[in-house]
Amino acid sequence: MVIRPYRHTDYSHCIAAFDSNCPDFFAYHEKEEFEKLLHDLSLTTQTGDNSDGVYYYVVEKDNRAVACAGFYLPVDNEDAMLVWGMVARDYHKQGIGEKLLTFRLEKIQEFRPGARVLLDTTQLSYPFFERSGFTVSKITLDFYAQGLDRYDMVLLPETNIFAKQHRPFLS
């Protein structure tokens, strides 16, 4: 298993991962937004320009991308936001999501030490993030679709084990 930056050749595998998680984890109407992100990423990976602050990765296993996820570093504040994380349904419960989350949190601390990490997810996935130290800050019922609620979550620097590892020693 290898985690590497997204390439435009990963597009179909990432779309397949999204489709495999509908309608349980994503609403069908969200696919257009995800396709736009992948299209925009395909343009930036070809030109090498990442000025939009989005970093996106895939997990390669069995010679294909079986998971994908990224983060966004806005220029107007010091937060980081996790974006579009998913593991293809056939690869659920194999520890891939945990490894990909750990990888993203480490990268965030590399690029923006001490950042708060924000995300939004559903009632089905929030326990996964809660186990990693995220706390729920807001719940919006039926946000994504009927029966698919939005959970806004935050990981504070003082509870982020990766932020602690990258903090300079103070005496």
C-alpha atoms as a PDB file:
ATOM      1  CA  MET A   1       0.000   0.000   0.000  1.00  0.00           C
ATOM      2  CA  VAL A   2       1.364   3.382  -1.071  1.00  0.00           C
ATOM      3  CA  ILE A   3       0.018   6.873  -0.369  1.00  0.00           C
ATOM      4  CA  ARG A   4       0.945   9.327  -3.098  1.00  0.00           C
ATOM      5  CA  PRO A   5      -0.280  12.590  -4.644  1.00  0.00           C
ATOM      6  CA  TYR A   6      -3.330  12.409  -6.909  1.00  0.00           C
ATOM      7  CA  ARG A   7      -2.659  12.133 -10.652  1.00  0.00           C
ATOM      8  CA  HIS A   8      -5.180  12.742 -13.435  1.00  0.00           C
ATOM      9  CA  THR A   9      -4.951   9.032 -14.299  1.00  0.00           C
ATOM     10  CA  ASP A  10      -6.563   8.288 -10.892  1.00  0.00           C
ATOM     11  CA  TYR A  11      -9.809  10.013 -11.892  1.00  0.00           C
ATOM     12  CA  SER A  12     -11.841   6.904 -12.788  1.00  0.00           C
ATOM     13  CA  HIS A  13     -10.746   5.033  -9.651  1.00  0.00           C
ATOM     14  CA  CYS A  14     -11.670   7.983  -7.426  1.00  0.00           C
ATOM     15  CA  ILE A  15     -15.080   8.253  -9.098  1.00  0.00           C
ATOM     16  CA  ALA A  16     -15.553   4.506  -8.614  1.00  0.00           C
ATOM     17  CA  ALA A  17     -14.715   4.925  -4.900  1.00  0.00           C
ATOM     18  CA  PHE A  18     -17.321   7.692  -4.648  1.00  0.00           C
ATOM     19  CA  ASP A  19     -19.957   5.621  -6.456  1.00  0.00           C
ATOM     20  CA  SER A  20     -19.294   2.618  -4.207  1.00  0.00           C
ATOM     21  CA  ASN A  21     -20.133   4.767  -1.172  1.00  0.00           C
ATOM     22  CA  CYS A  22     -23.455   6.142  -2.490  1.00  0.00           C
ATOM     23  CA  PRO A  23     -26.016   6.603  -1.096  1.00  0.00           C
ATOM     24  CA  ASP A  24     -24.829   5.487   2.354  1.00  0.00           C
ATOM     25  CA  PHE A  25     -21.933   7.909   2.853  1.00  0.00           C
ATOM     26  CA  PHE A  26     -22.449  10.455   0.065  1.00  0.00           C
ATOM     27  CA  ALA A  27     -25.550  11.839  -1.601  1.00  0.00           C
ATOM     28  CA  TYR A  28     -25.743  11.300  -5.357  1.00  0.00           C
ATOM     29  CA  HIS A  29     -25.980  15.040  -6.033  1.00  0.00           C
ATOM     30  CA  GLU A  30     -22.534  15.559  -4.440  1.00  0.00           C
ATOM     31  CA  LYS A  31     -20.851  13.691  -7.299  1.00  0.00           C
ATOM     32  CA  GLU A  32     -20.811  16.772  -9.534  1.00  0.00           C
ATOM     33  CA  GLU A  33     -18.866  18.756  -6.905  1.00  0.00           C
ATOM     34  CA  PHE A  34     -16.414  15.876  -6.447  1.00  0.00           C
ATOM     35  CA  GLU A  35     -15.933  15.551 -10.215  1.00  0.00           C
ATOM     36  CA  LYS A  36     -15.174  19.285 -10.401  1.00  0.00           C
ATOM     37  CA  LEU A  37     -12.534  18.958  -7.679  1.00  0.00           C
ATOM     38  CA  LEU A  38     -10.884  16.066  -9.519  1.00  0.00           C
ATOM     39  CA  HIS A  39     -11.024  17.955 -12.812  1.00  0.00           C
ATOM     40  CA  ASP A  40      -9.413  21.024 -11.200  1.00  0.00           C
ATOM     41  CA  LEU A  41      -6.789  18.805  -9.550  1.00  0.00           C
ATOM     42  CA  SER A  42      -6.043  17.199 -12.898  1.00  0.00           C
ATOM     43  CA  LEU A  43      -5.260  20.634 -14.311  1.00  0.00           C
ATOM     44  CA  THR A  44      -2.993  21.591 -11.390  1.00  0.00           C
ATOM     45  CA  THR A  45      -1.147  18.260 -11.383  1.00  0.00           C
ATOM     46  CA  GLN A  46      -0.376  18.700 -15.073  1.00  0.00           C
ATOM     47  CA  THR A  47       0.908  22.256 -14.642  1.00  0.00           C
ATOM     48  CA  GLY A  48       2.499  21.766 -11.207  1.00  0.00           C
ATOM     49  CA  ASP A  49       0.586  24.789  -9.873  1.00  0.00           C
ATOM     50  CA  ASN A  50      -0.991  24.228  -6.460  1.00  0.00           C
ATOM     51  CA  SER A  51      -1.809  27.845  -5.699  1.00  0.00           C
ATOM     52  CA  ASP A  52      -5.356  26.986  -4.605  1.00  0.00           C
ATOM     53  CA  GLY A  53      -4.083  25.342  -1.399  1.00  0.00           C
ATOM     54  CA  VAL A  54      -5.692  21.932  -2.039  1.00  0.00           C
ATOM     55  CA  TYR A  55      -3.557  18.837  -1.499  1.00  0.00           C
ATOM     56  CA  TYR A  56      -5.066  15.533  -2.598  1.00  0.00           C
ATOM     57  CA  TYR A  57      -3.759  11.992  -2.264  1.00  0.00           C
ATOM     58  CA  VAL A  58      -4.647   8.450  -3.190  1.00  0.00           C
ATOM     59  CA  VAL A  59      -3.929   5.108  -1.595  1.00  0.00           C
ATOM     60  CA  GLU A  60      -2.664   2.697  -4.208  1.00  0.00           C
ATOM     61  CA  LYS A  61      -3.238  -0.969  -3.543  1.00  0.00           C
ATOM     62  CA  ASP A  62      -3.641  -3.868  -5.950  1.00  0.00           C
ATOM     63  CA  ASN A  63      -2.284  -1.584  -8.716  1.00  0.00           C
ATOM     64  CA  ARG A  64      -5.132   0.917  -8.434  1.00  0.00           C
ATOM     65  CA  ALA A  65      -6.286   3.840  -6.327  1.00  0.00           C
ATOM     66  CA  VAL A  66      -8.596   2.346  -3.663  1.00  0.00           C
ATOM     67  CA  ALA A  67      -8.939   5.438  -1.477  1.00  0.00           C
ATOM     68  CA  CYS A  68      -8.569   9.167  -1.860  1.00  0.00           C
ATOM     69  CA  ALA A  69      -8.600  12.180   0.420  1.00  0.00           C
ATOM     70  CA  GLY A  70      -7.119  15.591   0.835  1.00  0.00           C
ATOM     71  CA  PHE A  71      -6.976  18.823   2.736  1.00  0.00           C
ATOM     72  CA  TYR A  72      -7.242  22.511   2.080  1.00  0.00           C
ATOM     73  CA  LEU A  73      -5.051  25.240   3.562  1.00  0.00           C
ATOM     74  CA  PRO A  74      -6.919  28.536   3.194  1.00  0.00           C
ATOM     75  CA  VAL A  75      -4.786  31.632   2.777  1.00  0.00           C
ATOM     76  CA  ASP A  76      -7.052  33.811   4.919  1.00  0.00           C
ATOM     77  CA  ASN A  77      -6.619  31.914   8.231  1.00  0.00           C
ATOM     78  CA  GLU A  78      -4.431  29.371   9.983  1.00  0.00           C
ATOM     79  CA  ASP A  79      -6.907  26.469   9.908  1.00  0.00           C
ATOM     80  CA  ALA A  80      -6.760  23.367   7.752  1.00  0.00           C
ATOM     81  CA  MET A  81      -9.784  21.543   6.365  1.00  0.00           C
ATOM     82  CA  LEU A  82     -10.051  17.900   5.461  1.00  0.00           C
ATOM     83  CA  VAL A  83     -11.786  17.358   2.119  1.00  0.00           C
ATOM     84  CA  TRP A  84     -13.364  14.480   0.217  1.00  0.00           C
ATOM     85  CA  GLY A  85     -12.036  11.453   2.076  1.00  0.00           C
ATOM     86  CA  MET A  86     -13.248   8.028   1.005  1.00  0.00           C
ATOM     87  CA  VAL A  87     -12.232   4.404   0.760  1.00  0.00           C
ATOM     88  CA  ALA A  88     -13.763   2.196  -1.944  1.00  0.00           C
ATOM     89  CA  ARG A  89     -16.423   0.039  -0.298  1.00  0.00           C
ATOM     90  CA  ASP A  90     -14.594  -3.228  -1.103  1.00  0.00           C
ATOM     91  CA  TYR A  91     -11.665  -1.939   0.964  1.00  0.00           C
ATOM     92  CA  HIS A  92     -13.570  -0.754   4.069  1.00  0.00           C
ATOM     93  CA  LYS A  93     -12.480  -2.077   7.471  1.00  0.00           C
ATOM     94  CA  GLN A  94      -8.873  -2.740   6.413  1.00  0.00           C
ATOM     95  CA  GLY A  95      -7.232   0.210   8.196  1.00  0.00           C
ATOM     96  CA  ILE A  96      -6.778   2.186   4.971  1.00  0.00           C
ATOM     97  CA  GLY A  97      -8.890   5.130   6.130  1.00  0.00           C
ATOM     98  CA  GLU A  98      -6.959   5.386   9.387  1.00  0.00           C
ATOM     99  CA  LYS A  99      -3.613   5.376   7.579  1.00  0.00           C
ATOM    100  CA  LEU A 100      -4.836   7.999   5.120  1.00  0.00           C
ATOM    101  CA  LEU A 101      -6.136  10.203   7.946  1.00  0.00           C
ATOM    102  CA  THR A 102      -2.828   9.898   9.816  1.00  0.00           C
ATOM    103  CA  PHE A 103      -0.947  10.765   6.632  1.00  0.00           C
ATOM    104  CA  ARG A 104      -3.084  13.887   6.074  1.00  0.00           C
ATOM    105  CA  LEU A 105      -2.720  15.066   9.669  1.00  0.00           C
ATOM    106  CA  GLU A 106       1.047  14.653   9.457  1.00  0.00           C
ATOM    107  CA  LYS A 107       1.157  16.598   6.169  1.00  0.00           C
ATOM    108  CA  ILE A 108      -0.968  19.382   7.630  1.00  0.00           C
ATOM    109  CA  GLN A 109       1.430  19.713  10.552  1.00  0.00           C
ATOM    110  CA  GLU A 110       4.352  19.746   8.139  1.00  0.00           C
ATOM    111  CA  PHE A 111       2.825  22.589   6.091  1.00  0.00           C
ATOM    112  CA  ARG A 112       0.974  24.442   8.859  1.00  0.00           C
ATOM    113  CA  PRO A 113       2.251  23.484  12.339  1.00  0.00           C
ATOM    114  CA  GLY A 114      -0.270  23.900  15.146  1.00  0.00           C
ATOM    115  CA  ALA A 115      -3.275  24.340  12.865  1.00  0.00           C
ATOM    116  CA  ARG A 116      -6.814  23.551  13.925  1.00  0.00           C
ATOM    117  CA  VAL A 117      -8.163  20.869  11.610  1.00  0.00           C
ATOM    118  CA  LEU A 118     -11.800  21.160  10.527  1.00  0.00           C
ATOM    119  CA  LEU A 119     -14.018  18.747   8.661  1.00  0.00           C
ATOM    120  CA  ASP A 120     -17.607  17.957   7.890  1.00  0.00           C
ATOM    121  CA  THR A 121     -18.900  14.414   7.652  1.00  0.00           C
ATOM    122  CA  THR A 122     -22.033  12.372   8.251  1.00  0.00           C
ATOM    123  CA  GLN A 123     -23.514  10.629  11.264  1.00  0.00           C
ATOM    124  CA  LEU A 124     -22.135   7.388   9.815  1.00  0.00           C
ATOM    125  CA  SER A 125     -18.510   8.525   9.711  1.00  0.00           C
ATOM    126  CA  TYR A 126     -18.172  10.892  12.656  1.00  0.00           C
ATOM    127  CA  PRO A 127     -17.270   8.097  15.160  1.00  0.00           C
ATOM    128  CA  PHE A 128     -14.206   7.301  13.015  1.00  0.00           C
ATOM    129  CA  PHE A 129     -12.958  10.883  13.393  1.00  0.00           C
ATOM    130  CA  GLU A 130     -13.979  11.070  17.041  1.00  0.00           C
ATOM    131  CA  ARG A 131     -11.621   8.153  17.781  1.00  0.00           C
ATOM    132  CA  SER A 132      -8.802  10.302  16.384  1.00  0.00           C
ATOM    133  CA  GLY A 133      -9.521  13.230  18.715  1.00  0.00           C
ATOM    134  CA  PHE A 134     -11.988  15.279  16.664  1.00  0.00           C
ATOM    135  CA  THR A 135     -14.968  16.720  18.512  1.00  0.00           C
ATOM    136  CA  VAL A 136     -18.388  17.608  17.129  1.00  0.00           C
ATOM    137  CA  SER A 137     -18.995  21.357  16.971  1.00  0.00           C
ATOM    138  CA  LYS A 138     -22.333  21.379  15.135  1.00  0.00           C
ATOM    139  CA  ILE A 139     -24.933  18.985  13.730  1.00  0.00           C
ATOM    140  CA  THR A 140     -27.232  19.907  10.845  1.00  0.00           C
ATOM    141  CA  LEU A 141     -30.005  17.397  10.204  1.00  0.00           C
ATOM    142  CA  ASP A 142     -30.696  16.279   6.615  1.00  0.00           C
ATOM    143  CA  PHE A 143     -27.939  18.561   5.294  1.00  0.00           C
ATOM    144  CA  TYR A 144     -26.587  16.360   2.492  1.00  0.00           C
ATOM    145  CA  ALA A 145     -29.841  14.519   1.800  1.00  0.00           C
ATOM    146  CA  GLN A 146     -32.872  13.227   3.675  1.00  0.00           C
ATOM    147  CA  GLY A 147     -31.461  11.107   6.503  1.00  0.00           C
ATOM    148  CA  LEU A 148     -27.859  12.149   5.825  1.00  0.00           C
ATOM    149  CA  ASP A 149     -26.873  14.636   8.522  1.00  0.00           C
ATOM    150  CA  ARG A 150     -23.841  16.914   8.564  1.00  0.00           C
ATOM    151  CA  TYR A 151     -21.460  16.750  11.525  1.00  0.00           C
ATOM    152  CA  ASP A 152     -18.983  19.623  11.710  1.00  0.00           C
ATOM    153  CA  MET A 153     -15.918  18.566  13.663  1.00  0.00           C
ATOM    154  CA  VAL A 154     -12.681  20.106  14.881  1.00  0.00           C
ATOM    155  CA  LEU A 155      -9.318  18.774  16.005  1.00  0.00           C
ATOM    156  CA  LEU A 156      -7.617  21.321  18.243  1.00  0.00           C
ATOM    157  CA  PRO A 157      -3.826  21.600  18.301  1.00  0.00           C
ATOM    158  CA  GLU A 158      -3.695  20.580  21.971  1.00  0.00           C
ATOM    159  CA  THR A 159      -5.500  17.291  21.210  1.00  0.00           C
ATOM    160  CA  ASN A 160      -3.713  16.604  17.912  1.00  0.00           C
ATOM    161  CA  ILE A 161      -0.890  14.145  18.565  1.00  0.00           C
ATOM    162  CA  PHE A 162       0.817  15.222  15.338  1.00  0.00           C
ATOM    163  CA  ALA A 163       0.790  18.888  16.383  1.00  0.00           C
ATOM    164  CA  LYS A 164       2.435  17.890  19.662  1.00  0.00           C
ATOM    165  CA  GLN A 165       5.159  16.017  17.799  1.00  0.00           C
ATOM    166  CA  HIS A 166       5.976  19.090  15.728  1.00  0.00           C
ATOM    167  CA  ARG A 167       5.910  21.680  18.517  1.00  0.00           C
ATOM    168  CA  PRO A 168       9.296  23.064  19.469  1.00  0.00           C
ATOM    169  CA  PHE A 169      10.470  22.141  22.935  1.00  0.00           C
ATOM    170  CA  LEU A 170       9.868  24.950  25.390  1.00  0.00           C
ATOM    171  CA  SER A 171      11.582  25.026  28.777  1.00  0.00           C
END
